Amino acid sequence: MDNNGTIENEELRGFLKDLLELVKKDYDAQDLQDFEETILRGCDYDEDGKISKKELTMILLALAKHNQEEDRLSNIAS
């Protein structure tokens, strides 16, 4: 991390590589590239090839809201 306020290509690739290693031991370079492209398509709202603090905040808030809704629905169902 270079503390510039964004997650750039190499930083993102390193993070995603670590994630892939946790869930898929036999991934290859194409898996990593596909994962990176998917993350950027879904998270890089201004399409600058980086994930900014604002974009990351929006992603985390959306995930938190989604998890709260799932918990609420799960509690209703039980």
PDB file of N, CA and C in Angstrom:
ATOM      1  N   MET A   1       0.838  -1.182   0.000  1.00  0.00           N
ATOM      2  CA  MET A   1       0.000   0.000   0.000  1.00  0.00           C
ATOM      3  C   MET A   1       0.883   1.246   0.000  1.00  0.00           C
ATOM      4  N   ASP A   2       0.514   2.178  -0.851  1.00  0.00           N
ATOM      5  CA  ASP A   2       1.310   3.396  -0.940  1.00  0.00           C
ATOM      6  C   ASP A   2       0.614   4.602  -0.308  1.00  0.00           C
ATOM      7  N   ASN A   3      -0.490   4.363   0.379  1.00  0.00           N
ATOM      8  CA  ASN A   3      -1.217   5.406   1.114  1.00  0.00           C
ATOM      9  C   ASN A   3      -1.664   6.586   0.257  1.00  0.00           C
ATOM     10  N   ASN A   4      -2.005   6.329  -1.016  1.00  0.00           N
ATOM     11  CA  ASN A   4      -2.467   7.421  -1.870  1.00  0.00           C
ATOM     12  C   ASN A   4      -3.990   7.548  -1.889  1.00  0.00           C
ATOM     13  N   GLY A   5      -4.670   6.728  -1.101  1.00  0.00           N
ATOM     14  CA  GLY A   5      -6.122   6.841  -0.995  1.00  0.00           C
ATOM     15  C   GLY A   5      -6.906   6.016  -1.991  1.00  0.00           C
ATOM     16  N   THR A   6      -6.209   5.247  -2.832  1.00  0.00           N
ATOM     17  CA  THR A   6      -6.892   4.368  -3.778  1.00  0.00           C
ATOM     18  C   THR A   6      -6.248   2.995  -3.757  1.00  0.00           C
ATOM     19  N   ILE A   7      -7.015   2.003  -4.187  1.00  0.00           N
ATOM     20  CA  ILE A   7      -6.481   0.662  -4.387  1.00  0.00           C
ATOM     21  C   ILE A   7      -6.213   0.553  -5.883  1.00  0.00           C
ATOM     22  N   GLU A   8      -4.947   0.476  -6.253  1.00  0.00           N
ATOM     23  CA  GLU A   8      -4.557   0.449  -7.656  1.00  0.00           C
ATOM     24  C   GLU A   8      -4.281  -0.977  -8.114  1.00  0.00           C
ATOM     25  N   ASN A   9      -3.929  -1.128  -9.384  1.00  0.00           N
ATOM     26  CA  ASN A   9      -3.796  -2.434 -10.022  1.00  0.00           C
ATOM     27  C   ASN A   9      -3.010  -3.456  -9.217  1.00  0.00           C
ATOM     28  N   GLU A  10      -1.768  -3.162  -8.891  1.00  0.00           N
ATOM     29  CA  GLU A  10      -0.935  -4.142  -8.190  1.00  0.00           C
ATOM     30  C   GLU A  10      -1.462  -4.426  -6.787  1.00  0.00           C
ATOM     31  N   GLU A  11      -1.951  -3.409  -6.108  1.00  0.00           N
ATOM     32  CA  GLU A  11      -2.522  -3.599  -4.768  1.00  0.00           C
ATOM     33  C   GLU A  11      -3.772  -4.464  -4.852  1.00  0.00           C
ATOM     34  N   LEU A  12      -4.625  -4.169  -5.821  1.00  0.00           N
ATOM     35  CA  LEU A  12      -5.845  -4.953  -5.997  1.00  0.00           C
ATOM     36  C   LEU A  12      -5.503  -6.387  -6.368  1.00  0.00           C
ATOM     37  N   ARG A  13      -4.570  -6.560  -7.281  1.00  0.00           N
ATOM     38  CA  ARG A  13      -4.180  -7.901  -7.719  1.00  0.00           C
ATOM     39  C   ARG A  13      -3.632  -8.709  -6.542  1.00  0.00           C
ATOM     40  N   GLY A  14      -2.809  -8.091  -5.705  1.00  0.00           N
ATOM     41  CA  GLY A  14      -2.265  -8.792  -4.543  1.00  0.00           C
ATOM     42  C   GLY A  14      -3.354  -9.199  -3.563  1.00  0.00           C
ATOM     43  N   PHE A  15      -4.295  -8.298  -3.322  1.00  0.00           N
ATOM     44  CA  PHE A  15      -5.411  -8.588  -2.419  1.00  0.00           C
ATOM     45  C   PHE A  15      -6.276  -9.716  -2.975  1.00  0.00           C
ATOM     46  N   LEU A  16      -6.608  -9.644  -4.262  1.00  0.00           N
ATOM     47  CA  LEU A  16      -7.456 -10.664  -4.875  1.00  0.00           C
ATOM     48  C   LEU A  16      -6.744 -12.009  -4.949  1.00  0.00           C
ATOM     49  N   LYS A  17      -5.440 -11.982  -5.151  1.00  0.00           N
ATOM     50  CA  LYS A  17      -4.653 -13.219  -5.149  1.00  0.00           C
ATOM     51  C   LYS A  17      -4.755 -13.896  -3.787  1.00  0.00           C
ATOM     52  N   ASP A  18      -4.629 -13.111  -2.726  1.00  0.00           N
ATOM     53  CA  ASP A  18      -4.769 -13.660  -1.372  1.00  0.00           C
ATOM     54  C   ASP A  18      -6.156 -14.259  -1.168  1.00  0.00           C
ATOM     55  N   LEU A  19      -7.195 -13.575  -1.653  1.00  0.00           N
ATOM     56  CA  LEU A  19      -8.561 -14.099  -1.534  1.00  0.00           C
ATOM     57  C   LEU A  19      -8.726 -15.403  -2.302  1.00  0.00           C
ATOM     58  N   LEU A  20      -8.215 -15.447  -3.528  1.00  0.00           N
ATOM     59  CA  LEU A  20      -8.324 -16.667  -4.327  1.00  0.00           C
ATOM     60  C   LEU A  20      -7.626 -17.837  -3.648  1.00  0.00           C
ATOM     61  N   GLU A  21      -6.475 -17.581  -3.048  1.00  0.00           N
ATOM     62  CA  GLU A  21      -5.743 -18.643  -2.361  1.00  0.00           C
ATOM     63  C   GLU A  21      -6.546 -19.222  -1.208  1.00  0.00           C
ATOM     64  N   LEU A  22      -7.391 -18.405  -0.591  1.00  0.00           N
ATOM     65  CA  LEU A  22      -8.219 -18.893   0.512  1.00  0.00           C
ATOM     66  C   LEU A  22      -9.324 -19.828   0.036  1.00  0.00           C
ATOM     67  N   VAL A  23      -9.876 -19.560  -1.147  1.00  0.00           N
ATOM     68  CA  VAL A  23     -11.048 -20.316  -1.595  1.00  0.00           C
ATOM     69  C   VAL A  23     -10.772 -21.283  -2.738  1.00  0.00           C
ATOM     70  N   LYS A  24      -9.676 -21.096  -3.439  1.00  0.00           N
ATOM     71  CA  LYS A  24      -9.407 -21.934  -4.610  1.00  0.00           C
ATOM     72  C   LYS A  24      -7.905 -22.159  -4.715  1.00  0.00           C
ATOM     73  N   LYS A  25      -7.456 -23.303  -4.270  1.00  0.00           N
ATOM     74  CA  LYS A  25      -6.015 -23.573  -4.217  1.00  0.00           C
ATOM     75  C   LYS A  25      -5.386 -23.704  -5.604  1.00  0.00           C
ATOM     76  N   ASP A  26      -6.160 -24.122  -6.597  1.00  0.00           N
ATOM     77  CA  ASP A  26      -5.592 -24.390  -7.920  1.00  0.00           C
ATOM     78  C   ASP A  26      -5.983 -23.344  -8.964  1.00  0.00           C
ATOM     79  N   TYR A  27      -5.995 -22.071  -8.574  1.00  0.00           N
ATOM     80  CA  TYR A  27      -6.329 -21.007  -9.519  1.00  0.00           C
ATOM     81  C   TYR A  27      -5.131 -20.737 -10.432  1.00  0.00           C
ATOM     82  N   ASP A  28      -5.408 -20.122 -11.581  1.00  0.00           N
ATOM     83  CA  ASP A  28      -4.331 -19.757 -12.498  1.00  0.00           C
ATOM     84  C   ASP A  28      -4.395 -18.261 -12.813  1.00  0.00           C
ATOM     85  N   ALA A  29      -3.497 -17.808 -13.666  1.00  0.00           N
ATOM     86  CA  ALA A  29      -3.417 -16.381 -13.999  1.00  0.00           C
ATOM     87  C   ALA A  29      -4.716 -15.877 -14.619  1.00  0.00           C
ATOM     88  N   GLN A  30      -5.378 -16.715 -15.406  1.00  0.00           N
ATOM     89  CA  GLN A  30      -6.641 -16.305 -16.029  1.00  0.00           C
ATOM     90  C   GLN A  30      -7.728 -16.120 -14.977  1.00  0.00           C
ATOM     91  N   ASP A  31      -7.768 -17.003 -13.969  1.00  0.00           N
ATOM     92  CA  ASP A  31      -8.730 -16.848 -12.870  1.00  0.00           C
ATOM     93  C   ASP A  31      -8.523 -15.512 -12.164  1.00  0.00           C
ATOM     94  N   LEU A  32      -7.268 -15.174 -11.903  1.00  0.00           N
ATOM     95  CA  LEU A  32      -6.947 -13.920 -11.221  1.00  0.00           C
ATOM     96  C   LEU A  32      -7.355 -12.722 -12.076  1.00  0.00           C
ATOM     97  N   GLN A  33      -7.067 -12.775 -13.368  1.00  0.00           N
ATOM     98  CA  GLN A  33      -7.435 -11.674 -14.262  1.00  0.00           C
ATOM     99  C   GLN A  33      -8.952 -11.523 -14.343  1.00  0.00           C
ATOM    100  N   ASP A  34      -9.663 -12.646 -14.456  1.00  0.00           N
ATOM    101  CA  ASP A  34     -11.130 -12.602 -14.513  1.00  0.00           C
ATOM    102  C   ASP A  34     -11.706 -12.008 -13.234  1.00  0.00           C
ATOM    103  N   PHE A  35     -11.166 -12.411 -12.087  1.00  0.00           N
ATOM    104  CA  PHE A  35     -11.628 -11.918 -10.794  1.00  0.00           C
ATOM    105  C   PHE A  35     -11.393 -10.410 -10.694  1.00  0.00           C
ATOM    106  N   GLU A  36     -10.209  -9.970 -11.108  1.00  0.00           N
ATOM    107  CA  GLU A  36      -9.879  -8.544 -11.063  1.00  0.00           C
ATOM    108  C   GLU A  36     -10.825  -7.739 -11.958  1.00  0.00           C
ATOM    109  N   GLU A  37     -11.077  -8.225 -13.162  1.00  0.00           N
ATOM    110  CA  GLU A  37     -11.980  -7.521 -14.081  1.00  0.00           C
ATOM    111  C   GLU A  37     -13.396  -7.449 -13.516  1.00  0.00           C
ATOM    112  N   THR A  38     -13.851  -8.531 -12.894  1.00  0.00           N
ATOM    113  CA  THR A  38     -15.185  -8.557 -12.290  1.00  0.00           C
ATOM    114  C   THR A  38     -15.291  -7.536 -11.164  1.00  0.00           C
ATOM    115  N   ILE A  39     -14.287  -7.499 -10.309  1.00  0.00           N
ATOM    116  CA  ILE A  39     -14.291  -6.550  -9.194  1.00  0.00           C
ATOM    117  C   ILE A  39     -14.289  -5.118  -9.716  1.00  0.00           C
ATOM    118  N   LEU A  40     -13.451  -4.829 -10.690  1.00  0.00           N
ATOM    119  CA  LEU A  40     -13.394  -3.465 -11.226  1.00  0.00           C
ATOM    120  C   LEU A  40     -14.705  -3.077 -11.900  1.00  0.00           C
ATOM    121  N   ARG A  41     -15.313  -4.000 -12.657  1.00  0.00           N
ATOM    122  CA  ARG A  41     -16.602  -3.693 -13.298  1.00  0.00           C
ATOM    123  C   ARG A  41     -17.668  -3.372 -12.262  1.00  0.00           C
ATOM    124  N   GLY A  42     -17.652  -4.077 -11.146  1.00  0.00           N
ATOM    125  CA  GLY A  42     -18.678  -3.887 -10.134  1.00  0.00           C
ATOM    126  C   GLY A  42     -18.405  -2.786  -9.129  1.00  0.00           C
ATOM    127  N   CYS A  43     -17.151  -2.376  -8.996  1.00  0.00           N
ATOM    128  CA  CYS A  43     -16.788  -1.456  -7.918  1.00  0.00           C
ATOM    129  C   CYS A  43     -16.170  -0.146  -8.376  1.00  0.00           C
ATOM    130  N   ASP A  44     -15.600  -0.117  -9.554  1.00  0.00           N
ATOM    131  CA  ASP A  44     -14.907   1.079 -10.045  1.00  0.00           C
ATOM    132  C   ASP A  44     -15.899   1.959 -10.792  1.00  0.00           C
ATOM    133  N   TYR A  45     -16.700   2.698 -10.021  1.00  0.00           N
ATOM    134  CA  TYR A  45     -17.815   3.457 -10.588  1.00  0.00           C
ATOM    135  C   TYR A  45     -17.381   4.533 -11.578  1.00  0.00           C
ATOM    136  N   ASP A  46     -16.217   5.154 -11.354  1.00  0.00           N
ATOM    137  CA  ASP A  46     -15.777   6.195 -12.287  1.00  0.00           C
ATOM    138  C   ASP A  46     -14.859   5.651 -13.388  1.00  0.00           C
ATOM    139  N   GLU A  47     -14.664   4.332 -13.393  1.00  0.00           N
ATOM    140  CA  GLU A  47     -13.911   3.618 -14.434  1.00  0.00           C
ATOM    141  C   GLU A  47     -12.505   4.179 -14.663  1.00  0.00           C
ATOM    142  N   ASP A  48     -11.813   4.484 -13.548  1.00  0.00           N
ATOM    143  CA  ASP A  48     -10.442   4.981 -13.672  1.00  0.00           C
ATOM    144  C   ASP A  48      -9.403   3.890 -13.426  1.00  0.00           C
ATOM    145  N   GLY A  49      -9.860   2.639 -13.250  1.00  0.00           N
ATOM    146  CA  GLY A  49      -8.948   1.527 -13.020  1.00  0.00           C
ATOM    147  C   GLY A  49      -8.478   1.404 -11.590  1.00  0.00           C
ATOM    148  N   LYS A  50      -9.075   2.180 -10.695  1.00  0.00           N
ATOM    149  CA  LYS A  50      -8.712   2.175  -9.276  1.00  0.00           C
ATOM    150  C   LYS A  50      -9.991   2.136  -8.453  1.00  0.00           C
ATOM    151  N   ILE A  51      -9.859   1.704  -7.210  1.00  0.00           N
ATOM    152  CA  ILE A  51     -10.984   1.759  -6.283  1.00  0.00           C
ATOM    153  C   ILE A  51     -10.640   2.816  -5.237  1.00  0.00           C
ATOM    154  N   SER A  52     -11.399   3.898  -5.241  1.00  0.00           N
ATOM    155  CA  SER A  52     -11.148   5.012  -4.321  1.00  0.00           C
ATOM    156  C   SER A  52     -11.764   4.726  -2.954  1.00  0.00           C
ATOM    157  N   LYS A  53     -11.424   5.567  -1.984  1.00  0.00           N
ATOM    158  CA  LYS A  53     -12.032   5.440  -0.655  1.00  0.00           C
ATOM    159  C   LYS A  53     -13.548   5.563  -0.753  1.00  0.00           C
ATOM    160  N   LYS A  54     -14.021   6.496  -1.565  1.00  0.00           N
ATOM    161  CA  LYS A  54     -15.463   6.700  -1.724  1.00  0.00           C
ATOM    162  C   LYS A  54     -16.123   5.458  -2.318  1.00  0.00           C
ATOM    163  N   GLU A  55     -15.502   4.873  -3.350  1.00  0.00           N
ATOM    164  CA  GLU A  55     -16.059   3.667  -3.964  1.00  0.00           C
ATOM    165  C   GLU A  55     -16.059   2.508  -2.972  1.00  0.00           C
ATOM    166  N   LEU A  56     -14.974   2.354  -2.223  1.00  0.00           N
ATOM    167  CA  LEU A  56     -14.890   1.290  -1.231  1.00  0.00           C
ATOM    168  C   LEU A  56     -15.927   1.489  -0.137  1.00  0.00           C
ATOM    169  N   THR A  57     -16.117   2.727   0.298  1.00  0.00           N
ATOM    170  CA  THR A  57     -17.134   3.027   1.306  1.00  0.00           C
ATOM    171  C   THR A  57     -18.519   2.653   0.803  1.00  0.00           C
ATOM    172  N   MET A  58     -18.814   3.001  -0.446  1.00  0.00           N
ATOM    173  CA  MET A  58     -20.122   2.671  -1.022  1.00  0.00           C
ATOM    174  C   MET A  58     -20.331   1.158  -1.078  1.00  0.00           C
ATOM    175  N   ILE A  59     -19.292   0.421  -1.444  1.00  0.00           N
ATOM    176  CA  ILE A  59     -19.365  -1.036  -1.520  1.00  0.00           C
ATOM    177  C   ILE A  59     -19.626  -1.622  -0.135  1.00  0.00           C
ATOM    178  N   LEU A  60     -18.850  -1.175   0.851  1.00  0.00           N
ATOM    179  CA  LEU A  60     -18.991  -1.713   2.207  1.00  0.00           C
ATOM    180  C   LEU A  60     -20.348  -1.379   2.808  1.00  0.00           C
ATOM    181  N   LEU A  61     -20.846  -0.176   2.571  1.00  0.00           N
ATOM    182  CA  LEU A  61     -22.176   0.188   3.070  1.00  0.00           C
ATOM    183  C   LEU A  61     -23.263  -0.665   2.416  1.00  0.00           C
ATOM    184  N   ALA A  62     -23.136  -0.904   1.123  1.00  0.00           N
ATOM    185  CA  ALA A  62     -24.115  -1.743   0.425  1.00  0.00           C
ATOM    186  C   ALA A  62     -24.077  -3.171   0.959  1.00  0.00           C
ATOM    187  N   LEU A  63     -22.872  -3.697   1.204  1.00  0.00           N
ATOM    188  CA  LEU A  63     -22.759  -5.046   1.764  1.00  0.00           C
ATOM    189  C   LEU A  63     -23.352  -5.115   3.165  1.00  0.00           C
ATOM    190  N   ALA A  64     -23.076  -4.110   3.986  1.00  0.00           N
ATOM    191  CA  ALA A  64     -23.620  -4.087   5.346  1.00  0.00           C
ATOM    192  C   ALA A  64     -25.140  -4.042   5.314  1.00  0.00           C
ATOM    193  N   LYS A  65     -25.694  -3.219   4.437  1.00  0.00           N
ATOM    194  CA  LYS A  65     -27.150  -3.118   4.318  1.00  0.00           C
ATOM    195  C   LYS A  65     -27.741  -4.449   3.865  1.00  0.00           C
ATOM    196  N   HIS A  66     -27.093  -5.082   2.904  1.00  0.00           N
ATOM    197  CA  HIS A  66     -27.555  -6.379   2.405  1.00  0.00           C
ATOM    198  C   HIS A  66     -27.530  -7.423   3.521  1.00  0.00           C
ATOM    199  N   ASN A  67     -26.443  -7.456   4.298  1.00  0.00           N
ATOM    200  CA  ASN A  67     -26.334  -8.418   5.395  1.00  0.00           C
ATOM    201  C   ASN A  67     -27.382  -8.164   6.470  1.00  0.00           C
ATOM    202  N   GLN A  68     -27.653  -6.899   6.776  1.00  0.00           N
ATOM    203  CA  GLN A  68     -28.688  -6.577   7.762  1.00  0.00           C
ATOM    204  C   GLN A  68     -30.050  -7.062   7.277  1.00  0.00           C
ATOM    205  N   GLU A  69     -30.329  -6.868   6.004  1.00  0.00           N
ATOM    206  CA  GLU A  69     -31.608  -7.299   5.438  1.00  0.00           C
ATOM    207  C   GLU A  69     -31.723  -8.821   5.481  1.00  0.00           C
ATOM    208  N   GLU A  70     -30.644  -9.526   5.147  1.00  0.00           N
ATOM    209  CA  GLU A  70     -30.658 -10.990   5.221  1.00  0.00           C
ATOM    210  C   GLU A  70     -30.902 -11.456   6.651  1.00  0.00           C
ATOM    211  N   ASP A  71     -30.240 -10.814   7.623  1.00  0.00           N
ATOM    212  CA  ASP A  71     -30.433 -11.167   9.028  1.00  0.00           C
ATOM    213  C   ASP A  71     -31.878 -10.931   9.455  1.00  0.00           C
ATOM    214  N   ARG A  72     -32.439  -9.812   9.035  1.00  0.00           N
ATOM    215  CA  ARG A  72     -33.820  -9.487   9.381  1.00  0.00           C
ATOM    216  C   ARG A  72     -34.771 -10.530   8.804  1.00  0.00           C
ATOM    217  N   LEU A  73     -34.578 -10.892   7.547  1.00  0.00           N
ATOM    218  CA  LEU A  73     -35.438 -11.893   6.910  1.00  0.00           C
ATOM    219  C   LEU A  73     -35.258 -13.265   7.549  1.00  0.00           C
ATOM    220  N   SER A  74     -34.037 -13.575   7.933  1.00  0.00           N
ATOM    221  CA  SER A  74     -33.766 -14.847   8.592  1.00  0.00           C
ATOM    222  C   SER A  74     -34.472 -14.914   9.945  1.00  0.00           C
ATOM    223  N   ASN A  75     -34.473 -13.805  10.682  1.00  0.00           N
ATOM    224  CA  ASN A  75     -35.141 -13.760  11.982  1.00  0.00           C
ATOM    225  C   ASN A  75     -36.652 -13.877  11.837  1.00  0.00           C
ATOM    226  N   ILE A  76     -37.199 -13.296  10.788  1.00  0.00           N
ATOM    227  CA  ILE A  76     -38.641 -13.388  10.545  1.00  0.00           C
ATOM    228  C   ILE A  76     -39.024 -14.826  10.217  1.00  0.00           C
ATOM    229  N   ALA A  77     -38.185 -15.499   9.435  1.00  0.00           N
ATOM    230  CA  ALA A  77     -38.480 -16.860   9.001  1.00  0.00           C
ATOM    231  C   ALA A  77     -38.349 -17.872  10.133  1.00  0.00           C
ATOM    232  N   SER A  78     -37.576 -17.544  11.174  1.00  0.00           N
ATOM    233  CA  SER A  78     -37.381 -18.525  12.244  1.00  0.00           C
ATOM    234  C   SER A  78     -38.284 -18.351  13.405  1.00  0.00           C
TER     235      SER A  78
END
